[in-house]
Amino acid sequence: MKASFLLVGDPQSSWSLTLARSLAPLGQLQLIDEKEVNQKVLQRHYDLIIVDAAIVKVVPLIKRVLAYTPEARIVVATLSPTWQRAREALRAGAIGYIHRLQNEEELRSTIKQFLQKPQSNNQEEV
């Protein structure tokens, strides 16, 4: 069964297109900007929601998505995950990070790992 992915960020960025190519064998990626999040997460279930930290205010968005769909699995895509930012995103409910400089094969492998990881909804001390 093919997975469904949602990328919240700039749908026109070159990284968004790279991600779409990387995920094509695994399923379908829908690209949206931050303004469309509430509408999209209420319309359907996504196997994985990817939030582009370069474009979006990550922690408020994670909290907003989980308020609508507590079972959502959210991953943050970033160029430079710092310990502080990672900790804040994980506390808010993200299940991990994707480094945007990974090649297509590495991205696909990382995404497969996240698809196996359940959303714990456990926003305790990280």
C-alpha atoms as a PDB file:
ATOM      1  CA  MET A   1       0.000   0.000   0.000  1.00  0.00           C
ATOM      2  CA  LYS A   2       1.304   3.434  -0.947  1.00  0.00           C
ATOM      3  CA  ALA A   3       1.811   6.030   1.778  1.00  0.00           C
ATOM      4  CA  SER A   4       0.476   9.568   1.774  1.00  0.00           C
ATOM      5  CA  PHE A   5       2.767  12.459   2.642  1.00  0.00           C
ATOM      6  CA  LEU A   6       2.149  16.126   3.296  1.00  0.00           C
ATOM      7  CA  LEU A   7       4.939  18.700   3.016  1.00  0.00           C
ATOM      8  CA  VAL A   8       4.295  22.039   4.673  1.00  0.00           C
ATOM      9  CA  GLY A   9       6.652  24.579   3.174  1.00  0.00           C
ATOM     10  CA  ASP A  10       7.310  26.239  -0.161  1.00  0.00           C
ATOM     11  CA  PRO A  11       5.696  24.058  -2.843  1.00  0.00           C
ATOM     12  CA  GLN A  12       7.880  25.730  -5.507  1.00  0.00           C
ATOM     13  CA  SER A  13      11.271  25.189  -3.862  1.00  0.00           C
ATOM     14  CA  SER A  14      13.831  22.904  -5.472  1.00  0.00           C
ATOM     15  CA  TRP A  15      13.998  20.876  -2.242  1.00  0.00           C
ATOM     16  CA  SER A  16      10.243  20.238  -2.379  1.00  0.00           C
ATOM     17  CA  LEU A  17      10.648  18.841  -5.879  1.00  0.00           C
ATOM     18  CA  THR A  18      13.604  16.683  -4.774  1.00  0.00           C
ATOM     19  CA  LEU A  19      11.515  15.335  -1.898  1.00  0.00           C
ATOM     20  CA  ALA A  20       8.614  14.580  -4.250  1.00  0.00           C
ATOM     21  CA  ARG A  21      10.940  12.572  -6.539  1.00  0.00           C
ATOM     22  CA  SER A  22      12.438  10.772  -3.544  1.00  0.00           C
ATOM     23  CA  LEU A  23       9.064   9.751  -2.177  1.00  0.00           C
ATOM     24  CA  ALA A  24       7.414   8.789  -5.484  1.00  0.00           C
ATOM     25  CA  PRO A  25       8.240   5.069  -5.046  1.00  0.00           C
ATOM     26  CA  LEU A  26       6.755   5.129  -1.533  1.00  0.00           C
ATOM     27  CA  GLY A  27       3.574   7.071  -2.189  1.00  0.00           C
ATOM     28  CA  GLN A  28       2.176  10.465  -3.000  1.00  0.00           C
ATOM     29  CA  LEU A  29       3.415  13.783  -1.648  1.00  0.00           C
ATOM     30  CA  GLN A  30       1.104  16.760  -1.411  1.00  0.00           C
ATOM     31  CA  LEU A  31       2.853  20.128  -1.211  1.00  0.00           C
ATOM     32  CA  ILE A  32       1.156  22.978   0.644  1.00  0.00           C
ATOM     33  CA  ASP A  33       2.074  26.234   2.318  1.00  0.00           C
ATOM     34  CA  GLU A  34       1.512  26.938   5.995  1.00  0.00           C
ATOM     35  CA  LYS A  35      -1.814  28.729   5.439  1.00  0.00           C
ATOM     36  CA  GLU A  36      -3.430  25.525   4.145  1.00  0.00           C
ATOM     37  CA  VAL A  37      -2.480  23.258   7.073  1.00  0.00           C
ATOM     38  CA  ASN A  38      -5.692  23.385   9.101  1.00  0.00           C
ATOM     39  CA  GLN A  39      -7.840  22.658   6.068  1.00  0.00           C
ATOM     40  CA  LYS A  40      -5.677  19.774   4.790  1.00  0.00           C
ATOM     41  CA  VAL A  41      -5.206  17.903   8.081  1.00  0.00           C
ATOM     42  CA  LEU A  42      -8.962  17.962   8.648  1.00  0.00           C
ATOM     43  CA  GLN A  43      -9.719  16.675   5.133  1.00  0.00           C
ATOM     44  CA  ARG A  44      -7.657  13.493   5.204  1.00  0.00           C
ATOM     45  CA  HIS A  45      -5.150  11.321   7.026  1.00  0.00           C
ATOM     46  CA  TYR A  46      -1.461  11.520   6.072  1.00  0.00           C
ATOM     47  CA  ASP A  47       1.000   8.777   6.951  1.00  0.00           C
ATOM     48  CA  LEU A  48       3.694  11.402   7.521  1.00  0.00           C
ATOM     49  CA  ILE A  49       3.651  15.181   7.697  1.00  0.00           C
ATOM     50  CA  ILE A  50       6.948  16.884   6.874  1.00  0.00           C
ATOM     51  CA  VAL A  51       7.448  20.466   8.039  1.00  0.00           C
ATOM     52  CA  ASP A  52      10.116  22.578   6.337  1.00  0.00           C
ATOM     53  CA  ALA A  53      11.823  24.507   9.131  1.00  0.00           C
ATOM     54  CA  ALA A  54      13.290  26.984   6.631  1.00  0.00           C
ATOM     55  CA  ILE A  55       9.826  28.314   5.807  1.00  0.00           C
ATOM     56  CA  VAL A  56       7.538  27.533   8.724  1.00  0.00           C
ATOM     57  CA  LYS A  57       7.450  28.377  12.433  1.00  0.00           C
ATOM     58  CA  VAL A  58       7.878  24.773  13.477  1.00  0.00           C
ATOM     59  CA  VAL A  59       6.746  24.474  17.101  1.00  0.00           C
ATOM     60  CA  PRO A  60       3.442  26.372  16.761  1.00  0.00           C
ATOM     61  CA  LEU A  61       2.624  24.427  13.604  1.00  0.00           C
ATOM     62  CA  ILE A  62       3.357  21.054  15.235  1.00  0.00           C
ATOM     63  CA  LYS A  63       1.127  21.946  18.172  1.00  0.00           C
ATOM     64  CA  ARG A  64      -1.645  23.120  15.851  1.00  0.00           C
ATOM     65  CA  VAL A  65      -1.555  19.939  13.733  1.00  0.00           C
ATOM     66  CA  LEU A  66      -1.536  17.672  16.789  1.00  0.00           C
ATOM     67  CA  ALA A  67      -4.500  19.578  18.234  1.00  0.00           C
ATOM     68  CA  TYR A  68      -6.483  18.536  15.132  1.00  0.00           C
ATOM     69  CA  THR A  69      -4.980  15.080  14.643  1.00  0.00           C
ATOM     70  CA  PRO A  70      -3.198  13.773  17.757  1.00  0.00           C
ATOM     71  CA  GLU A  71      -2.126  10.598  15.923  1.00  0.00           C
ATOM     72  CA  ALA A  72      -0.174  12.538  13.256  1.00  0.00           C
ATOM     73  CA  ARG A  73       3.467  11.639  12.699  1.00  0.00           C
ATOM     74  CA  ILE A  74       5.396  14.847  12.083  1.00  0.00           C
ATOM     75  CA  VAL A  75       8.993  15.159  10.900  1.00  0.00           C
ATOM     76  CA  VAL A  76      10.920  18.417  10.615  1.00  0.00           C
ATOM     77  CA  ALA A  77      13.136  19.059   7.570  1.00  0.00           C
ATOM     78  CA  THR A  78      16.049  21.378   8.186  1.00  0.00           C
ATOM     79  CA  LEU A  79      19.469  22.375   6.909  1.00  0.00           C
ATOM     80  CA  SER A  80      20.988  22.761  10.354  1.00  0.00           C
ATOM     81  CA  PRO A  81      19.289  21.016  13.268  1.00  0.00           C
ATOM     82  CA  THR A  82      20.646  22.479  16.457  1.00  0.00           C
ATOM     83  CA  TRP A  83      20.221  20.688  19.731  1.00  0.00           C
ATOM     84  CA  GLN A  84      17.885  23.414  21.025  1.00  0.00           C
ATOM     85  CA  ARG A  85      15.635  23.417  17.938  1.00  0.00           C
ATOM     86  CA  ALA A  86      15.513  19.619  17.860  1.00  0.00           C
ATOM     87  CA  ARG A  87      14.576  19.490  21.506  1.00  0.00           C
ATOM     88  CA  GLU A  88      11.789  22.062  21.044  1.00  0.00           C
ATOM     89  CA  ALA A  89      10.337  20.206  18.041  1.00  0.00           C
ATOM     90  CA  LEU A  90      10.455  16.851  19.831  1.00  0.00           C
ATOM     91  CA  ARG A  91       8.826  18.340  22.915  1.00  0.00           C
ATOM     92  CA  ALA A  92       6.081  19.757  20.717  1.00  0.00           C
ATOM     93  CA  GLY A  93       5.419  16.281  19.306  1.00  0.00           C
ATOM     94  CA  ALA A  94       7.650  15.752  16.243  1.00  0.00           C
ATOM     95  CA  ILE A  95       9.033  12.235  15.876  1.00  0.00           C
ATOM     96  CA  GLY A  96      12.324  13.362  14.338  1.00  0.00           C
ATOM     97  CA  TYR A  97      14.300  15.327  11.771  1.00  0.00           C
ATOM     98  CA  ILE A  98      15.276  15.011   8.123  1.00  0.00           C
ATOM     99  CA  HIS A  99      18.424  16.751   6.949  1.00  0.00           C
ATOM    100  CA  ARG A 100      17.625  18.588   3.715  1.00  0.00           C
ATOM    101  CA  LEU A 101      21.071  17.885   2.237  1.00  0.00           C
ATOM    102  CA  GLN A 102      20.481  14.129   2.035  1.00  0.00           C
ATOM    103  CA  ASN A 103      20.398  12.681  -1.473  1.00  0.00           C
ATOM    104  CA  GLU A 104      17.210  11.080  -2.787  1.00  0.00           C
ATOM    105  CA  GLU A 105      18.146   7.561  -1.685  1.00  0.00           C
ATOM    106  CA  GLU A 106      19.041   8.725   1.838  1.00  0.00           C
ATOM    107  CA  LEU A 107      15.799  10.704   2.085  1.00  0.00           C
ATOM    108  CA  ARG A 108      13.774   7.661   1.027  1.00  0.00           C
ATOM    109  CA  SER A 109      15.561   5.462   3.570  1.00  0.00           C
ATOM    110  CA  THR A 110      15.039   7.963   6.375  1.00  0.00           C
ATOM    111  CA  ILE A 111      11.350   8.362   5.497  1.00  0.00           C
ATOM    112  CA  LYS A 112      10.866   4.578   5.526  1.00  0.00           C
ATOM    113  CA  GLN A 113      12.228   4.524   9.078  1.00  0.00           C
ATOM    114  CA  PHE A 114       9.824   7.258  10.158  1.00  0.00           C
ATOM    115  CA  LEU A 115       6.880   5.400   8.604  1.00  0.00           C
ATOM    116  CA  GLN A 116       7.629   2.532  11.004  1.00  0.00           C
ATOM    117  CA  LYS A 117       7.822   4.812  14.039  1.00  0.00           C
ATOM    118  CA  PRO A 118       4.541   5.386  15.913  1.00  0.00           C
ATOM    119  CA  GLN A 119       3.495   8.795  17.146  1.00  0.00           C
ATOM    120  CA  SER A 120       3.736   8.551  20.903  1.00  0.00           C
ATOM    121  CA  ASN A 121       1.982  11.838  21.694  1.00  0.00           C
ATOM    122  CA  ASN A 122       4.345  11.831  24.623  1.00  0.00           C
ATOM    123  CA  GLN A 123       5.608  15.384  24.836  1.00  0.00           C
ATOM    124  CA  GLU A 124       7.741  14.860  27.900  1.00  0.00           C
ATOM    125  CA  GLU A 125      11.244  16.034  28.674  1.00  0.00           C
ATOM    126  CA  VAL A 126      13.607  15.190  25.817  1.00  0.00           C
END
